[in-house]
Amino acid sequence: MNADAVLQVKVWLVGISPMVWRRVLVPASFTLRELHGVIQVAMGWDGIHLYVFRLRAARYGSRELSGSSPDVTLAGLRFRKGARLIYEYIPWRHEVRIEDRLEREARKTYPVCAGGDGACPLEDCGGPESFMEHRNDWLSFEAFEDLDTMVEVLQGVVQKDESEVLALAPHPYAPAVVRRSARRCASKSAASNAAPSPCRSRMPEINAWADGSVS
């Protein structure tokens, strides 16, 4: 495979309905480690769990999962059109399909998120089964009322002084959790108002992989 080529890759979460998926354009010169980073940004994950790519009998990724080094290029793996592999970001399982091989467009920066639908579940909600089991509870009318209240409070934490709200937190890690949740709520709220595409708001982060500004 020509290392200058661009691969059109579709990634979707297994066990989640409706489907949560993304389509990304990735240089064939990228390694599996870099593809891992692209998927993290495109899907909306935070990169806090172990990961492994499964390609037939081979495993590439975190050493703790007995994976081989992920510093192998996509070109080196010689993927054909239609090839599939599994990307596990514990406990979330994704299917990855190589949809096409494209010519690199002049003056275009890669990688690119070209499409997608659906938002990923909360990262630490217990995995697909737990998410689907409790989804109706989370999407109930009462839950939406609670969520609206929480968003208002957390956005206030971001926009104003945090000290009074954080002083009420009983857990030693609660301030960090509140700040992190507030930033995510605020960013998701802004993204939903400004960008219909689930990956459009994350484009700068994805493109940062191309110039090495994301490690």
N, C-alpha and C. Protein backbone atom coordinates (compact mmCIF):
# COMPACT_ATOMS: atom_id res chain seq x y z
N MET A 1 0.84 -1.20 0.00
CA MET A 1 0.00 0.00 0.00
C MET A 1 0.87 1.24 0.00
N ASN A 2 0.50 2.21 -0.81
CA ASN A 2 1.23 3.47 -0.89
C ASN A 2 1.05 4.25 0.42
N ALA A 3 2.18 4.60 1.07
CA ALA A 3 2.11 5.32 2.34
C ALA A 3 1.55 6.72 2.18
N ASP A 4 1.53 7.24 0.94
CA ASP A 4 0.98 8.58 0.70
C ASP A 4 -0.54 8.56 0.53
N ALA A 5 -1.12 7.38 0.49
CA ALA A 5 -2.56 7.26 0.31
C ALA A 5 -3.29 7.67 1.60
N VAL A 6 -4.58 7.89 1.46
CA VAL A 6 -5.44 8.21 2.60
C VAL A 6 -6.50 7.13 2.71
N LEU A 7 -6.69 6.62 3.91
CA LEU A 7 -7.69 5.58 4.12
C LEU A 7 -8.97 6.18 4.68
N GLN A 8 -10.09 5.77 4.10
CA GLN A 8 -11.39 6.16 4.63
C GLN A 8 -11.83 5.05 5.58
N VAL A 9 -11.98 5.40 6.85
CA VAL A 9 -12.21 4.41 7.90
C VAL A 9 -13.52 4.73 8.62
N LYS A 10 -14.35 3.70 8.78
CA LYS A 10 -15.58 3.85 9.56
C LYS A 10 -15.42 3.12 10.88
N VAL A 11 -15.80 3.79 11.96
CA VAL A 11 -15.69 3.23 13.31
C VAL A 11 -17.06 3.32 13.97
N TRP A 12 -17.52 2.22 14.59
CA TRP A 12 -18.78 2.29 15.31
C TRP A 12 -18.72 1.46 16.58
N LEU A 13 -19.50 1.91 17.56
CA LEU A 13 -19.57 1.23 18.86
C LEU A 13 -20.43 -0.02 18.75
N VAL A 14 -19.97 -1.10 19.35
CA VAL A 14 -20.71 -2.36 19.34
C VAL A 14 -21.60 -2.43 20.58
N GLY A 15 -22.83 -2.89 20.39
CA GLY A 15 -23.72 -3.10 21.52
C GLY A 15 -24.51 -1.87 21.94
N ILE A 16 -24.45 -0.79 21.15
CA ILE A 16 -25.17 0.44 21.46
C ILE A 16 -26.19 0.72 20.36
N SER A 17 -27.40 1.04 20.76
CA SER A 17 -28.46 1.38 19.81
C SER A 17 -29.17 2.64 20.30
N PRO A 18 -29.41 3.60 19.40
CA PRO A 18 -29.02 3.67 17.99
C PRO A 18 -27.50 3.72 17.82
N MET A 19 -27.06 3.41 16.60
CA MET A 19 -25.64 3.31 16.34
C MET A 19 -24.91 4.63 16.57
N VAL A 20 -23.74 4.53 17.18
CA VAL A 20 -22.83 5.67 17.35
C VAL A 20 -21.62 5.38 16.46
N TRP A 21 -21.41 6.25 15.46
CA TRP A 21 -20.35 5.96 14.50
C TRP A 21 -19.67 7.23 14.02
N ARG A 22 -18.45 7.04 13.47
CA ARG A 22 -17.70 8.13 12.86
C ARG A 22 -17.02 7.61 11.59
N ARG A 23 -16.82 8.53 10.64
CA ARG A 23 -16.03 8.23 9.45
C ARG A 23 -14.84 9.20 9.43
N VAL A 24 -13.64 8.65 9.39
CA VAL A 24 -12.44 9.49 9.42
C VAL A 24 -11.56 9.17 8.21
N LEU A 25 -10.83 10.18 7.75
CA LEU A 25 -9.85 10.03 6.69
C LEU A 25 -8.48 10.13 7.33
N VAL A 26 -7.70 9.05 7.20
CA VAL A 26 -6.44 8.93 7.92
C VAL A 26 -5.32 8.58 6.95
N PRO A 27 -4.18 9.25 7.02
CA PRO A 27 -3.05 8.88 6.16
C PRO A 27 -2.61 7.45 6.41
N ALA A 28 -2.28 6.73 5.35
CA ALA A 28 -1.82 5.35 5.49
C ALA A 28 -0.48 5.29 6.22
N SER A 29 0.21 6.40 6.32
CA SER A 29 1.48 6.45 7.04
C SER A 29 1.28 6.49 8.55
N PHE A 30 0.04 6.69 9.01
CA PHE A 30 -0.24 6.72 10.43
C PHE A 30 -0.05 5.34 11.04
N THR A 31 0.37 5.31 12.30
CA THR A 31 0.49 4.05 13.03
C THR A 31 -0.83 3.72 13.72
N LEU A 32 -0.92 2.51 14.24
CA LEU A 32 -2.10 2.16 15.02
C LEU A 32 -2.19 3.01 16.29
N ARG A 33 -1.06 3.40 16.83
CA ARG A 33 -1.08 4.29 17.99
C ARG A 33 -1.74 5.63 17.63
N GLU A 34 -1.40 6.15 16.45
CA GLU A 34 -2.00 7.40 16.01
C GLU A 34 -3.47 7.22 15.66
N LEU A 35 -3.82 6.07 15.09
CA LEU A 35 -5.23 5.79 14.79
C LEU A 35 -6.02 5.74 16.10
N HIS A 36 -5.44 5.16 17.12
CA HIS A 36 -6.06 5.14 18.45
C HIS A 36 -6.38 6.57 18.89
N GLY A 37 -5.43 7.49 18.72
CA GLY A 37 -5.65 8.88 19.10
C GLY A 37 -6.74 9.54 18.28
N VAL A 38 -6.76 9.25 17.00
CA VAL A 38 -7.79 9.82 16.12
C VAL A 38 -9.17 9.34 16.53
N ILE A 39 -9.30 8.04 16.81
CA ILE A 39 -10.59 7.48 17.22
C ILE A 39 -11.03 8.10 18.54
N GLN A 40 -10.10 8.27 19.47
CA GLN A 40 -10.43 8.87 20.76
C GLN A 40 -11.04 10.26 20.57
N VAL A 41 -10.41 11.07 19.76
CA VAL A 41 -10.89 12.44 19.54
C VAL A 41 -12.22 12.43 18.78
N ALA A 42 -12.30 11.64 17.72
CA ALA A 42 -13.50 11.63 16.89
C ALA A 42 -14.72 11.12 17.65
N MET A 43 -14.53 10.08 18.47
CA MET A 43 -15.65 9.51 19.21
C MET A 43 -16.03 10.35 20.42
N GLY A 44 -15.04 11.06 20.98
CA GLY A 44 -15.32 11.87 22.16
C GLY A 44 -14.86 11.24 23.45
N TRP A 45 -13.99 10.23 23.38
CA TRP A 45 -13.44 9.60 24.58
C TRP A 45 -12.34 10.46 25.19
N ASP A 46 -11.93 10.10 26.40
CA ASP A 46 -10.93 10.88 27.12
C ASP A 46 -9.57 10.21 27.23
N GLY A 47 -9.42 8.99 26.70
CA GLY A 47 -8.12 8.33 26.70
C GLY A 47 -7.66 7.85 28.06
N ILE A 48 -8.57 7.48 28.95
CA ILE A 48 -8.19 7.10 30.31
C ILE A 48 -8.17 5.58 30.52
N HIS A 49 -8.53 4.81 29.49
CA HIS A 49 -8.57 3.36 29.63
C HIS A 49 -7.54 2.69 28.72
N LEU A 50 -7.28 1.41 28.99
CA LEU A 50 -6.39 0.62 28.14
C LEU A 50 -7.07 0.35 26.80
N TYR A 51 -6.26 0.05 25.80
CA TYR A 51 -6.83 -0.22 24.47
C TYR A 51 -6.02 -1.31 23.77
N VAL A 52 -6.67 -1.94 22.82
CA VAL A 52 -6.00 -2.93 21.98
C VAL A 52 -6.73 -3.05 20.65
N PHE A 53 -5.96 -3.16 19.57
CA PHE A 53 -6.50 -3.48 18.25
C PHE A 53 -6.36 -4.98 18.04
N ARG A 54 -7.42 -5.60 17.53
CA ARG A 54 -7.39 -7.03 17.22
C ARG A 54 -7.52 -7.20 15.71
N LEU A 55 -6.49 -7.75 15.12
CA LEU A 55 -6.48 -8.02 13.69
C LEU A 55 -6.18 -9.50 13.50
N ARG A 56 -7.24 -10.24 13.25
CA ARG A 56 -7.14 -11.70 13.23
C ARG A 56 -6.54 -12.18 14.56
N ALA A 57 -5.42 -12.90 14.54
CA ALA A 57 -4.84 -13.41 15.78
C ALA A 57 -3.89 -12.41 16.44
N ALA A 58 -3.58 -11.32 15.75
CA ALA A 58 -2.63 -10.34 16.27
C ALA A 58 -3.32 -9.32 17.16
N ARG A 59 -2.56 -8.82 18.15
CA ARG A 59 -3.05 -7.81 19.07
C ARG A 59 -2.01 -6.69 19.17
N TYR A 60 -2.47 -5.46 19.05
CA TYR A 60 -1.58 -4.31 19.15
C TYR A 60 -2.20 -3.30 20.11
N GLY A 61 -1.39 -2.82 21.04
CA GLY A 61 -1.92 -1.82 21.96
C GLY A 61 -1.23 -1.83 23.30
N SER A 62 -2.01 -1.65 24.36
CA SER A 62 -1.47 -1.55 25.72
C SER A 62 -0.76 -2.84 26.13
N ARG A 63 0.40 -2.69 26.71
CA ARG A 63 1.15 -3.86 27.16
C ARG A 63 0.39 -4.65 28.21
N GLU A 64 -0.38 -3.93 29.04
CA GLU A 64 -1.15 -4.60 30.09
C GLU A 64 -2.16 -5.59 29.52
N LEU A 65 -2.53 -5.41 28.26
CA LEU A 65 -3.46 -6.32 27.59
C LEU A 65 -2.73 -7.27 26.66
N SER A 66 -1.41 -7.40 26.88
CA SER A 66 -0.57 -8.31 26.09
C SER A 66 -0.55 -7.93 24.62
N GLY A 67 -0.65 -6.64 24.36
CA GLY A 67 -0.61 -6.19 22.97
C GLY A 67 0.80 -5.95 22.49
N SER A 68 1.04 -6.21 21.22
CA SER A 68 2.32 -5.86 20.60
C SER A 68 2.37 -4.35 20.41
N SER A 69 3.54 -3.85 20.06
CA SER A 69 3.68 -2.40 19.88
C SER A 69 2.71 -1.91 18.81
N PRO A 70 1.97 -0.82 19.12
CA PRO A 70 1.05 -0.27 18.13
C PRO A 70 1.75 0.67 17.16
N ASP A 71 3.09 0.72 17.18
CA ASP A 71 3.81 1.63 16.30
C ASP A 71 4.06 1.01 14.92
N VAL A 72 3.07 0.31 14.42
CA VAL A 72 3.12 -0.27 13.08
C VAL A 72 2.19 0.57 12.21
N THR A 73 2.63 0.88 11.00
CA THR A 73 1.82 1.76 10.16
C THR A 73 0.67 1.01 9.51
N LEU A 74 -0.34 1.77 9.15
CA LEU A 74 -1.48 1.18 8.44
C LEU A 74 -1.04 0.65 7.08
N ALA A 75 -0.12 1.37 6.43
CA ALA A 75 0.41 0.90 5.14
C ALA A 75 1.13 -0.42 5.31
N GLY A 76 1.87 -0.56 6.42
CA GLY A 76 2.61 -1.79 6.68
C GLY A 76 1.71 -2.99 6.91
N LEU A 77 0.49 -2.75 7.37
CA LEU A 77 -0.45 -3.85 7.60
C LEU A 77 -1.17 -4.26 6.32
N ARG A 78 -1.00 -3.47 5.25
CA ARG A 78 -1.53 -3.82 3.92
C ARG A 78 -3.03 -4.11 3.93
N PHE A 79 -3.77 -3.20 4.52
CA PHE A 79 -5.22 -3.37 4.56
C PHE A 79 -5.81 -3.27 3.16
N ARG A 80 -6.73 -4.16 2.86
CA ARG A 80 -7.49 -4.09 1.62
C ARG A 80 -8.82 -3.40 1.88
N LYS A 81 -9.42 -2.93 0.81
CA LYS A 81 -10.74 -2.31 0.92
C LYS A 81 -11.72 -3.33 1.49
N GLY A 82 -12.44 -2.93 2.52
CA GLY A 82 -13.39 -3.82 3.17
C GLY A 82 -12.82 -4.55 4.37
N ALA A 83 -11.51 -4.42 4.62
CA ALA A 83 -10.89 -5.09 5.76
C ALA A 83 -11.50 -4.60 7.07
N ARG A 84 -11.58 -5.48 8.05
CA ARG A 84 -12.15 -5.13 9.35
C ARG A 84 -11.18 -5.49 10.46
N LEU A 85 -11.26 -4.74 11.53
CA LEU A 85 -10.53 -5.06 12.75
C LEU A 85 -11.33 -4.56 13.93
N ILE A 86 -10.94 -5.02 15.11
CA ILE A 86 -11.62 -4.64 16.33
C ILE A 86 -10.73 -3.69 17.13
N TYR A 87 -11.33 -2.62 17.62
CA TYR A 87 -10.64 -1.69 18.50
C TYR A 87 -11.35 -1.72 19.85
N GLU A 88 -10.66 -2.23 20.86
CA GLU A 88 -11.24 -2.29 22.19
C GLU A 88 -10.63 -1.21 23.06
N TYR A 89 -11.50 -0.35 23.54
CA TYR A 89 -11.12 0.69 24.50
C TYR A 89 -11.89 0.32 25.76
N ILE A 90 -11.26 -0.46 26.60
CA ILE A 90 -11.93 -1.16 27.68
C ILE A 90 -12.80 -0.20 28.51
N PRO A 91 -14.12 -0.52 28.71
CA PRO A 91 -14.84 -1.73 28.28
C PRO A 91 -15.62 -1.55 26.98
N TRP A 92 -15.24 -0.57 26.15
CA TRP A 92 -16.00 -0.26 24.95
C TRP A 92 -15.36 -0.93 23.73
N ARG A 93 -16.18 -1.63 22.97
CA ARG A 93 -15.71 -2.36 21.79
C ARG A 93 -16.19 -1.64 20.53
N HIS A 94 -15.27 -1.42 19.60
CA HIS A 94 -15.59 -0.75 18.35
C HIS A 94 -15.24 -1.68 17.17
N GLU A 95 -16.05 -1.64 16.14
CA GLU A 95 -15.67 -2.28 14.88
C GLU A 95 -15.10 -1.21 13.96
N VAL A 96 -14.04 -1.56 13.28
CA VAL A 96 -13.36 -0.64 12.37
C VAL A 96 -13.33 -1.26 10.99
N ARG A 97 -13.78 -0.51 9.98
CA ARG A 97 -13.77 -1.04 8.61
C ARG A 97 -13.05 -0.07 7.69
N ILE A 98 -12.16 -0.61 6.89
CA ILE A 98 -11.47 0.19 5.86
C ILE A 98 -12.42 0.27 4.66
N GLU A 99 -13.03 1.43 4.48
CA GLU A 99 -14.04 1.57 3.44
C GLU A 99 -13.44 1.83 2.06
N ASP A 100 -12.34 2.60 2.04
CA ASP A 100 -11.80 2.98 0.73
C ASP A 100 -10.37 3.47 0.90
N ARG A 101 -9.67 3.52 -0.21
CA ARG A 101 -8.32 4.10 -0.26
C ARG A 101 -8.37 5.26 -1.25
N LEU A 102 -8.01 6.44 -0.79
CA LEU A 102 -8.16 7.66 -1.57
C LEU A 102 -6.82 8.31 -1.85
N GLU A 103 -6.82 9.17 -2.85
CA GLU A 103 -5.63 9.99 -3.12
C GLU A 103 -5.65 11.20 -2.20
N ARG A 104 -4.49 11.55 -1.72
CA ARG A 104 -4.39 12.72 -0.86
C ARG A 104 -4.68 13.99 -1.66
N GLU A 105 -5.55 14.85 -1.11
CA GLU A 105 -5.88 16.10 -1.77
C GLU A 105 -4.86 17.18 -1.39
N ALA A 106 -4.45 17.94 -2.39
CA ALA A 106 -3.48 19.00 -2.15
C ALA A 106 -4.07 20.05 -1.20
N ARG A 107 -3.22 20.56 -0.33
CA ARG A 107 -3.57 21.62 0.61
C ARG A 107 -4.65 21.21 1.60
N LYS A 108 -4.84 19.90 1.78
CA LYS A 108 -5.81 19.43 2.76
C LYS A 108 -5.06 18.77 3.91
N THR A 109 -5.44 19.09 5.13
CA THR A 109 -4.78 18.56 6.31
C THR A 109 -5.50 17.31 6.80
N TYR A 110 -4.73 16.29 7.10
CA TYR A 110 -5.29 15.03 7.61
C TYR A 110 -4.69 14.76 8.99
N PRO A 111 -5.46 14.01 9.81
CA PRO A 111 -6.73 13.32 9.57
C PRO A 111 -7.92 14.27 9.59
N VAL A 112 -9.04 13.77 9.06
CA VAL A 112 -10.28 14.53 8.96
C VAL A 112 -11.43 13.64 9.41
N CYS A 113 -12.35 14.23 10.18
CA CYS A 113 -13.59 13.53 10.50
C CYS A 113 -14.60 13.91 9.43
N ALA A 114 -15.02 12.95 8.62
CA ALA A 114 -15.86 13.23 7.45
C ALA A 114 -17.34 12.99 7.70
N GLY A 115 -17.70 12.40 8.82
CA GLY A 115 -19.11 12.15 9.08
C GLY A 115 -19.29 11.36 10.36
N GLY A 116 -20.54 11.19 10.73
CA GLY A 116 -20.82 10.42 11.94
C GLY A 116 -22.20 10.73 12.47
N ASP A 117 -22.57 10.00 13.52
CA ASP A 117 -23.86 10.21 14.15
C ASP A 117 -23.82 9.66 15.56
N GLY A 118 -24.52 10.32 16.46
CA GLY A 118 -24.65 9.85 17.84
C GLY A 118 -23.51 10.29 18.73
N ALA A 119 -23.82 10.47 20.01
CA ALA A 119 -22.81 10.82 21.01
C ALA A 119 -22.46 9.60 21.83
N CYS A 120 -21.20 9.47 22.21
CA CYS A 120 -20.77 8.34 23.02
C CYS A 120 -21.40 8.42 24.41
N PRO A 121 -21.61 7.26 25.04
CA PRO A 121 -22.12 7.27 26.42
C PRO A 121 -21.08 7.88 27.36
N LEU A 122 -21.49 8.10 28.60
CA LEU A 122 -20.53 8.51 29.62
C LEU A 122 -19.47 7.43 29.73
N GLU A 123 -18.23 7.84 29.79
CA GLU A 123 -17.11 6.90 29.67
C GLU A 123 -17.09 5.82 30.75
N ASP A 124 -17.45 6.21 31.98
CA ASP A 124 -17.35 5.27 33.11
C ASP A 124 -18.72 4.82 33.61
N CYS A 125 -19.67 4.65 32.68
CA CYS A 125 -21.01 4.23 33.10
C CYS A 125 -21.14 2.71 33.19
N GLY A 126 -20.04 1.98 32.95
CA GLY A 126 -20.07 0.54 33.14
C GLY A 126 -20.04 -0.29 31.88
N GLY A 127 -19.99 0.33 30.72
CA GLY A 127 -19.93 -0.41 29.47
C GLY A 127 -21.28 -0.48 28.77
N PRO A 128 -21.30 -1.12 27.61
CA PRO A 128 -22.52 -1.14 26.78
C PRO A 128 -23.74 -1.73 27.48
N GLU A 129 -23.57 -2.87 28.17
CA GLU A 129 -24.73 -3.52 28.80
C GLU A 129 -25.33 -2.63 29.88
N SER A 130 -24.47 -2.06 30.71
CA SER A 130 -24.95 -1.18 31.76
C SER A 130 -25.63 0.05 31.17
N PHE A 131 -25.01 0.61 30.11
CA PHE A 131 -25.59 1.80 29.48
C PHE A 131 -26.98 1.50 28.93
N MET A 132 -27.12 0.39 28.19
CA MET A 132 -28.41 0.07 27.58
C MET A 132 -29.44 -0.28 28.66
N GLU A 133 -28.98 -0.93 29.73
CA GLU A 133 -29.90 -1.33 30.80
C GLU A 133 -30.49 -0.12 31.52
N HIS A 134 -29.65 0.91 31.73
CA HIS A 134 -30.10 2.07 32.51
C HIS A 134 -30.44 3.27 31.64
N ARG A 135 -30.40 3.09 30.32
CA ARG A 135 -30.62 4.22 29.44
C ARG A 135 -31.98 4.87 29.65
N ASN A 136 -33.01 4.04 29.84
CA ASN A 136 -34.35 4.59 30.03
C ASN A 136 -34.43 5.42 31.31
N ASP A 137 -33.66 4.99 32.34
CA ASP A 137 -33.64 5.77 33.57
C ASP A 137 -33.00 7.13 33.32
N TRP A 138 -31.87 7.11 32.57
CA TRP A 138 -31.14 8.35 32.31
C TRP A 138 -31.93 9.29 31.40
N LEU A 139 -32.79 8.72 30.55
CA LEU A 139 -33.52 9.53 29.59
C LEU A 139 -34.95 9.85 30.06
N SER A 140 -35.26 9.50 31.32
CA SER A 140 -36.59 9.78 31.84
C SER A 140 -36.80 11.27 32.00
N PHE A 141 -38.06 11.67 32.15
CA PHE A 141 -38.38 13.09 32.31
C PHE A 141 -37.70 13.66 33.55
N GLU A 142 -37.72 12.86 34.65
CA GLU A 142 -37.10 13.34 35.88
C GLU A 142 -35.60 13.52 35.68
N ALA A 143 -34.98 12.63 34.93
CA ALA A 143 -33.54 12.73 34.70
C ALA A 143 -33.21 13.99 33.91
N PHE A 144 -34.07 14.32 32.93
CA PHE A 144 -33.83 15.53 32.15
C PHE A 144 -33.97 16.77 33.03
N GLU A 145 -34.95 16.74 33.95
CA GLU A 145 -35.09 17.87 34.86
C GLU A 145 -33.83 18.03 35.71
N ASP A 146 -33.32 16.88 36.25
CA ASP A 146 -32.11 16.92 37.05
C ASP A 146 -30.93 17.38 36.22
N LEU A 147 -30.86 16.92 34.97
CA LEU A 147 -29.75 17.29 34.10
C LEU A 147 -29.76 18.78 33.80
N ASP A 148 -30.95 19.33 33.53
CA ASP A 148 -31.05 20.76 33.27
C ASP A 148 -30.53 21.56 34.46
N THR A 149 -30.93 21.12 35.65
CA THR A 149 -30.47 21.82 36.86
C THR A 149 -28.97 21.72 37.00
N MET A 150 -28.42 20.50 36.75
CA MET A 150 -26.99 20.30 36.91
C MET A 150 -26.21 21.14 35.90
N VAL A 151 -26.71 21.20 34.66
CA VAL A 151 -26.02 21.98 33.63
C VAL A 151 -25.99 23.45 34.01
N GLU A 152 -27.11 23.96 34.52
CA GLU A 152 -27.14 25.37 34.93
C GLU A 152 -26.12 25.65 36.02
N VAL A 153 -26.05 24.73 37.00
CA VAL A 153 -25.10 24.92 38.11
C VAL A 153 -23.67 24.84 37.60
N LEU A 154 -23.40 23.82 36.78
CA LEU A 154 -22.03 23.61 36.33
C LEU A 154 -21.56 24.71 35.39
N GLN A 155 -22.45 25.20 34.54
CA GLN A 155 -22.06 26.31 33.68
C GLN A 155 -21.77 27.56 34.51
N GLY A 156 -22.51 27.70 35.62
CA GLY A 156 -22.22 28.80 36.51
C GLY A 156 -20.86 28.68 37.15
N VAL A 157 -20.45 27.42 37.41
CA VAL A 157 -19.12 27.17 37.98
C VAL A 157 -18.04 27.59 37.01
N VAL A 158 -18.28 27.31 35.72
CA VAL A 158 -17.29 27.65 34.70
C VAL A 158 -17.21 29.16 34.51
N GLN A 159 -18.36 29.81 34.46
CA GLN A 159 -18.41 31.22 34.10
C GLN A 159 -18.14 32.15 35.28
N LYS A 160 -18.36 31.65 36.52
CA LYS A 160 -18.18 32.49 37.68
C LYS A 160 -17.18 31.87 38.64
N ASP A 161 -17.21 32.31 39.90
CA ASP A 161 -16.30 31.81 40.92
C ASP A 161 -16.71 30.41 41.33
N GLU A 162 -15.76 29.45 41.34
CA GLU A 162 -16.06 28.06 41.69
C GLU A 162 -16.11 27.84 43.19
N SER A 163 -15.53 28.69 43.99
CA SER A 163 -15.23 28.38 45.38
C SER A 163 -16.46 28.00 46.20
N GLU A 164 -17.59 28.74 46.04
CA GLU A 164 -18.74 28.47 46.87
C GLU A 164 -19.34 27.11 46.57
N VAL A 165 -19.41 26.75 45.27
CA VAL A 165 -19.97 25.45 44.89
C VAL A 165 -19.06 24.33 45.34
N LEU A 166 -17.76 24.49 45.10
CA LEU A 166 -16.81 23.43 45.41
C LEU A 166 -16.67 23.22 46.90
N ALA A 167 -16.95 24.25 47.71
CA ALA A 167 -16.84 24.12 49.16
C ALA A 167 -17.85 23.13 49.72
N LEU A 168 -18.92 22.85 48.95
CA LEU A 168 -19.94 21.92 49.39
C LEU A 168 -19.63 20.48 49.03
N ALA A 169 -18.56 20.26 48.26
CA ALA A 169 -18.25 18.91 47.78
C ALA A 169 -17.70 18.06 48.91
N PRO A 170 -18.34 16.90 49.23
CA PRO A 170 -17.90 16.06 50.35
C PRO A 170 -16.72 15.17 50.02
N HIS A 171 -16.53 14.85 48.76
CA HIS A 171 -15.48 13.90 48.37
C HIS A 171 -14.22 14.65 47.99
N PRO A 172 -13.03 14.11 48.39
CA PRO A 172 -11.78 14.83 48.09
C PRO A 172 -11.53 15.03 46.62
N TYR A 173 -12.11 14.19 45.76
CA TYR A 173 -11.90 14.34 44.33
C TYR A 173 -13.04 15.12 43.67
N ALA A 174 -14.06 15.49 44.43
CA ALA A 174 -15.23 16.13 43.84
C ALA A 174 -14.91 17.43 43.13
N PRO A 175 -14.06 18.32 43.65
CA PRO A 175 -13.78 19.55 42.91
C PRO A 175 -13.29 19.31 41.50
N ALA A 176 -12.38 18.35 41.34
CA ALA A 176 -11.86 18.04 40.00
C ALA A 176 -12.96 17.50 39.11
N VAL A 177 -13.82 16.65 39.70
CA VAL A 177 -14.91 16.06 38.93
C VAL A 177 -15.89 17.15 38.49
N VAL A 178 -16.20 18.07 39.41
CA VAL A 178 -17.13 19.15 39.07
C VAL A 178 -16.57 20.03 37.97
N ARG A 179 -15.28 20.39 38.09
CA ARG A 179 -14.68 21.25 37.07
C ARG A 179 -14.68 20.55 35.72
N ARG A 180 -14.31 19.25 35.73
CA ARG A 180 -14.25 18.50 34.47
C ARG A 180 -15.64 18.37 33.86
N SER A 181 -16.65 18.05 34.71
CA SER A 181 -18.01 17.90 34.22
C SER A 181 -18.53 19.22 33.68
N ALA A 182 -18.17 20.30 34.36
CA ALA A 182 -18.63 21.61 33.91
C ALA A 182 -18.08 21.94 32.54
N ARG A 183 -16.79 21.70 32.35
CA ARG A 183 -16.19 22.00 31.06
C ARG A 183 -16.84 21.17 29.96
N ARG A 184 -17.11 19.87 30.25
CA ARG A 184 -17.69 19.01 29.23
C ARG A 184 -19.12 19.43 28.92
N CYS A 185 -19.89 19.78 29.97
CA CYS A 185 -21.27 20.22 29.74
C CYS A 185 -21.29 21.49 28.91
N ALA A 186 -20.40 22.42 29.26
CA ALA A 186 -20.38 23.69 28.54
C ALA A 186 -19.96 23.49 27.10
N SER A 187 -18.94 22.65 26.88
CA SER A 187 -18.46 22.44 25.52
C SER A 187 -19.48 21.69 24.69
N LYS A 188 -20.16 20.70 25.28
CA LYS A 188 -21.16 19.95 24.54
C LYS A 188 -22.36 20.83 24.22
N SER A 189 -22.71 21.71 25.17
CA SER A 189 -23.82 22.62 24.91
C SER A 189 -23.50 23.55 23.75
N ALA A 190 -22.28 24.08 23.74
CA ALA A 190 -21.88 24.98 22.65
C ALA A 190 -21.82 24.23 21.34
N ALA A 191 -21.30 22.97 21.38
CA ALA A 191 -21.17 22.19 20.15
C ALA A 191 -22.54 21.87 19.57
N SER A 192 -23.51 21.56 20.45
CA SER A 192 -24.84 21.20 19.95
C SER A 192 -25.52 22.38 19.29
N ASN A 193 -25.21 23.59 19.76
CA ASN A 193 -25.82 24.77 19.16
C ASN A 193 -25.14 25.20 17.87
N ALA A 194 -23.83 24.91 17.76
CA ALA A 194 -23.07 25.45 16.63
C ALA A 194 -22.78 24.43 15.55
N ALA A 195 -22.81 23.12 15.89
CA ALA A 195 -22.35 22.13 14.92
C ALA A 195 -23.26 20.92 14.91
N PRO A 196 -24.08 20.72 13.86
CA PRO A 196 -24.94 19.54 13.78
C PRO A 196 -24.13 18.25 13.72
N SER A 197 -22.98 18.28 13.09
CA SER A 197 -22.17 17.07 12.96
C SER A 197 -21.52 16.73 14.28
N PRO A 198 -21.55 15.43 14.73
CA PRO A 198 -20.96 15.06 16.01
C PRO A 198 -19.46 15.21 16.03
N CYS A 199 -18.83 15.31 14.89
CA CYS A 199 -17.37 15.41 14.91
C CYS A 199 -16.86 16.76 14.45
N ARG A 200 -17.75 17.64 13.97
CA ARG A 200 -17.29 18.92 13.44
C ARG A 200 -16.62 19.77 14.52
N SER A 201 -17.20 19.73 15.75
CA SER A 201 -16.65 20.55 16.82
C SER A 201 -15.29 20.05 17.27
N ARG A 202 -14.92 18.81 16.92
CA ARG A 202 -13.66 18.25 17.36
C ARG A 202 -12.62 18.24 16.25
N MET A 203 -12.97 18.84 15.11
CA MET A 203 -12.06 18.85 13.98
C MET A 203 -10.69 19.43 14.29
N PRO A 204 -10.59 20.57 15.00
CA PRO A 204 -9.25 21.09 15.29
C PRO A 204 -8.40 20.11 16.07
N GLU A 205 -9.03 19.36 17.00
CA GLU A 205 -8.28 18.40 17.78
C GLU A 205 -7.79 17.25 16.91
N ILE A 206 -8.64 16.79 16.00
CA ILE A 206 -8.24 15.70 15.12
C ILE A 206 -7.11 16.15 14.21
N ASN A 207 -7.27 17.34 13.63
CA ASN A 207 -6.25 17.84 12.71
C ASN A 207 -4.93 18.12 13.40
N ALA A 208 -4.97 18.31 14.73
CA ALA A 208 -3.74 18.56 15.47
C ALA A 208 -2.80 17.35 15.40
N TRP A 209 -3.37 16.16 15.18
CA TRP A 209 -2.54 14.96 15.06
C TRP A 209 -1.62 15.05 13.84
N ALA A 210 -2.07 15.74 12.82
CA ALA A 210 -1.29 15.80 11.58
C ALA A 210 -0.01 16.62 11.74
N ASP A 211 -0.06 17.64 12.61
CA ASP A 211 1.14 18.48 12.75
C ASP A 211 1.91 18.18 14.03
N GLY A 212 1.50 17.11 14.74
CA GLY A 212 2.26 16.67 15.90
C GLY A 212 2.01 17.48 17.15
N SER A 213 0.98 18.31 17.17
CA SER A 213 0.75 19.14 18.34
C SER A 213 -0.03 18.41 19.43
N VAL A 214 -0.47 17.17 19.14
CA VAL A 214 -1.11 16.33 20.15
C VAL A 214 -0.22 15.13 20.37
N SER A 215 0.09 14.85 21.63
CA SER A 215 0.98 13.73 21.93
C SER A 215 0.21 12.57 22.50
